[in-house]
Amino acid sequence: MLTRYYPSALRIVGCIVAVCSAISALLLGTAPPPDGLTALDPAALRTVAVVVLIAFGVALPVAVLLTSPLKQLLLKAGAFAFAAFANAMTLSPLLSVPFQDTTALIVVMCGLVMATLSVLAYMDSVQRKTPQSKF
């Protein structure tokens, strides 16, 4: 049953993850460098956060959306977990800006839900291939 709805959930939630991550990266990139950092360069920290968001939050989910929906499910789960954790990194009070923290929180929740669904779809596909397995 899960494999029937998984492709459409992948498209919908994957697009939400990619779009909200892009908005978050744009808002974080246009904000001034964070204040209150003494050991780290604030501009470098902001630049690294934006690059990580673009790589793991936008590019990786878009690449996942371009593949076949029911192939390489564990890789898809890892990709969405990376997107969620990349956005969770930007939720620090030193980095986040007013609307960016909302979009990052949406991506964290959607990314973790999609990672969980991908693992469950993988377990379902294993169960269909070998019905006598212990799952």
Protein backbone atom coordinates (compact mmCIF):
# COMPACT_ATOMS: atom_id res chain seq x y z
CA MET A 1 0.00 0.00 0.00
CA LEU A 2 2.83 2.37 0.81
CA THR A 3 4.49 1.82 -2.56
CA ARG A 4 1.31 3.00 -4.29
CA TYR A 5 1.40 6.46 -2.67
CA TYR A 6 5.17 6.80 -2.30
CA PRO A 7 5.91 8.25 -5.79
CA SER A 8 3.38 11.07 -5.40
CA ALA A 9 4.52 11.76 -1.81
CA LEU A 10 8.10 11.86 -3.06
CA ARG A 11 7.24 14.45 -5.70
CA ILE A 12 5.15 16.65 -3.41
CA VAL A 13 7.32 16.56 -0.29
CA GLY A 14 10.53 16.58 -2.34
CA CYS A 15 9.44 19.77 -4.09
CA ILE A 16 8.54 21.33 -0.74
CA VAL A 17 11.99 20.44 0.60
CA ALA A 18 13.79 21.85 -2.44
CA VAL A 19 11.76 25.08 -2.65
CA CYS A 20 11.87 25.84 1.08
CA SER A 21 15.60 25.11 1.16
CA ALA A 22 16.13 27.48 -1.76
CA ILE A 23 14.14 30.20 0.01
CA SER A 24 16.09 29.58 3.19
CA ALA A 25 19.43 29.78 1.36
CA LEU A 26 18.35 32.97 -0.42
CA LEU A 27 17.23 34.64 2.81
CA LEU A 28 20.36 33.53 4.64
CA GLY A 29 22.58 34.70 1.80
CA THR A 30 21.06 38.17 1.65
CA ALA A 31 21.16 38.69 5.43
CA PRO A 32 24.10 40.47 7.05
CA PRO A 33 26.78 38.27 8.63
CA PRO A 34 25.95 37.10 12.15
CA ASP A 35 27.09 39.16 15.12
CA GLY A 36 28.59 37.92 18.35
CA LEU A 37 31.08 35.44 16.93
CA THR A 38 34.63 35.81 18.20
CA ALA A 39 36.35 32.58 17.20
CA LEU A 40 34.79 32.24 13.73
CA ASP A 41 34.68 34.59 10.76
CA PRO A 42 30.98 35.58 10.46
CA ALA A 43 31.05 36.06 6.68
CA ALA A 44 32.75 32.70 6.13
CA LEU A 45 30.26 30.97 8.40
CA ARG A 46 27.33 32.45 6.50
CA THR A 47 28.89 31.52 3.15
CA VAL A 48 29.51 27.92 4.25
CA ALA A 49 25.93 27.65 5.54
CA VAL A 50 24.54 28.91 2.23
CA VAL A 51 26.71 26.52 0.20
CA VAL A 52 25.72 23.56 2.39
CA LEU A 53 22.05 24.52 2.03
CA ILE A 54 22.31 24.75 -1.73
CA ALA A 55 24.20 21.47 -2.03
CA PHE A 56 22.28 19.31 0.43
CA GLY A 57 18.96 21.14 0.63
CA VAL A 58 18.34 22.02 -3.01
CA ALA A 59 20.60 20.06 -5.37
CA LEU A 60 20.38 16.69 -3.63
CA PRO A 61 16.55 16.58 -3.37
CA VAL A 62 16.21 17.74 -7.00
CA ALA A 63 18.58 14.95 -8.06
CA VAL A 64 16.46 12.49 -6.07
CA LEU A 65 13.31 13.75 -7.79
CA LEU A 66 14.83 13.07 -11.21
CA THR A 67 15.45 9.39 -10.49
CA SER A 68 12.95 6.55 -10.59
CA PRO A 69 10.66 6.80 -7.53
CA LEU A 70 10.96 3.22 -6.30
CA LYS A 71 14.66 2.65 -6.98
CA GLN A 72 17.49 3.19 -4.47
CA LEU A 73 15.19 3.95 -1.57
CA LEU A 74 17.91 3.92 1.09
CA LEU A 75 19.87 6.49 -0.91
CA LYS A 76 16.74 8.65 -1.08
CA ALA A 77 16.31 8.32 2.68
CA GLY A 78 19.88 9.48 3.20
CA ALA A 79 19.43 12.40 0.82
CA PHE A 80 16.37 13.68 2.66
CA ALA A 81 18.05 13.18 6.01
CA PHE A 82 21.02 15.26 4.75
CA ALA A 83 18.60 17.97 3.60
CA ALA A 84 16.89 17.99 6.99
CA PHE A 85 20.16 18.19 8.92
CA ALA A 86 21.58 20.88 6.64
CA ASN A 87 18.54 23.02 7.35
CA ALA A 88 18.65 22.18 11.05
CA MET A 89 22.19 23.58 11.11
CA THR A 90 20.83 26.98 10.11
CA LEU A 91 18.33 27.09 12.97
CA SER A 92 21.04 28.40 15.30
CA PRO A 93 20.08 31.72 16.91
CA LEU A 94 23.34 33.19 15.61
CA LEU A 95 22.59 32.30 11.97
CA SER A 96 18.84 32.35 11.46
CA VAL A 97 16.94 35.32 10.12
CA PRO A 98 13.21 35.97 10.76
CA PHE A 99 11.46 34.08 7.92
CA GLN A 100 14.33 31.70 7.16
CA ASP A 101 13.90 29.85 10.43
CA THR A 102 10.29 29.01 9.47
CA THR A 103 11.25 27.60 6.08
CA ALA A 104 14.14 25.68 7.63
CA LEU A 105 11.80 24.15 10.20
CA ILE A 106 9.39 23.09 7.43
CA VAL A 107 12.26 21.41 5.58
CA VAL A 108 13.48 19.65 8.71
CA MET A 109 10.06 18.16 9.33
CA CYS A 110 9.39 17.24 5.68
CA GLY A 111 12.89 15.83 5.23
CA LEU A 112 12.64 13.57 8.24
CA VAL A 113 9.15 12.41 7.22
CA MET A 114 10.38 11.61 3.71
CA ALA A 115 13.44 9.78 5.06
CA THR A 116 11.17 7.66 7.25
CA LEU A 117 8.78 6.95 4.38
CA SER A 118 11.71 5.93 2.17
CA VAL A 119 12.95 3.45 4.76
CA LEU A 120 9.43 2.04 5.16
CA ALA A 121 9.03 1.73 1.38
CA TYR A 122 12.38 -0.08 1.24
CA MET A 123 11.23 -2.50 3.94
CA ASP A 124 8.00 -3.05 2.00
CA SER A 125 9.92 -3.80 -1.20
CA VAL A 126 12.14 -6.29 0.64
CA GLN A 127 9.06 -7.95 2.09
CA ARG A 128 7.50 -8.28 -1.38
CA LYS A 129 10.69 -9.83 -2.82
CA THR A 130 11.18 -12.36 -0.02
CA PRO A 131 7.89 -12.92 1.84
CA GLN A 132 9.51 -15.32 4.32
CA SER A 133 11.84 -12.62 5.68
CA LYS A 134 11.65 -11.53 9.31
CA PHE A 135 10.32 -7.97 8.71
